[in-house]
């Protein structure tokens, strides 16, 4: 099992910055990919950013590219999402997710491709 706990959410003004952190514990050696998803009220959960657990290649949705940066720390076992130039449309619950399937040929961006999820952290961006 893998446990994921998000933190760092809150209220920020448009144009501001916020960093989310995902604490990863349990059987971390089985993790292949990590990602941040988000879900706005009334909308489906969507991929935001991801990174391979054993490599540093980042992946970003077009909506956050150039504004968000994903990073990981194997010493602390955390995956962070650094969010800059925040917009009101970034308001959502942000979820950390882990994928343990080693057979994927492309980086997973769909909800069903992830096996473990955190409880989510709320981000509100005011205009």
Foldseek 3Di string as FASTA:
>chain_A
DKAKAKDWADEAAAQAKTKMKIAIDDPCVLFFKKFKWWDDPPGDIWTAKIQTPPDGDIDGDPVQPPFWDWDADPVRRMIMIIGGRDDQVVWTWMKMFTARDPPDPDDDTDPVRTDDIYPTDTHGYHD
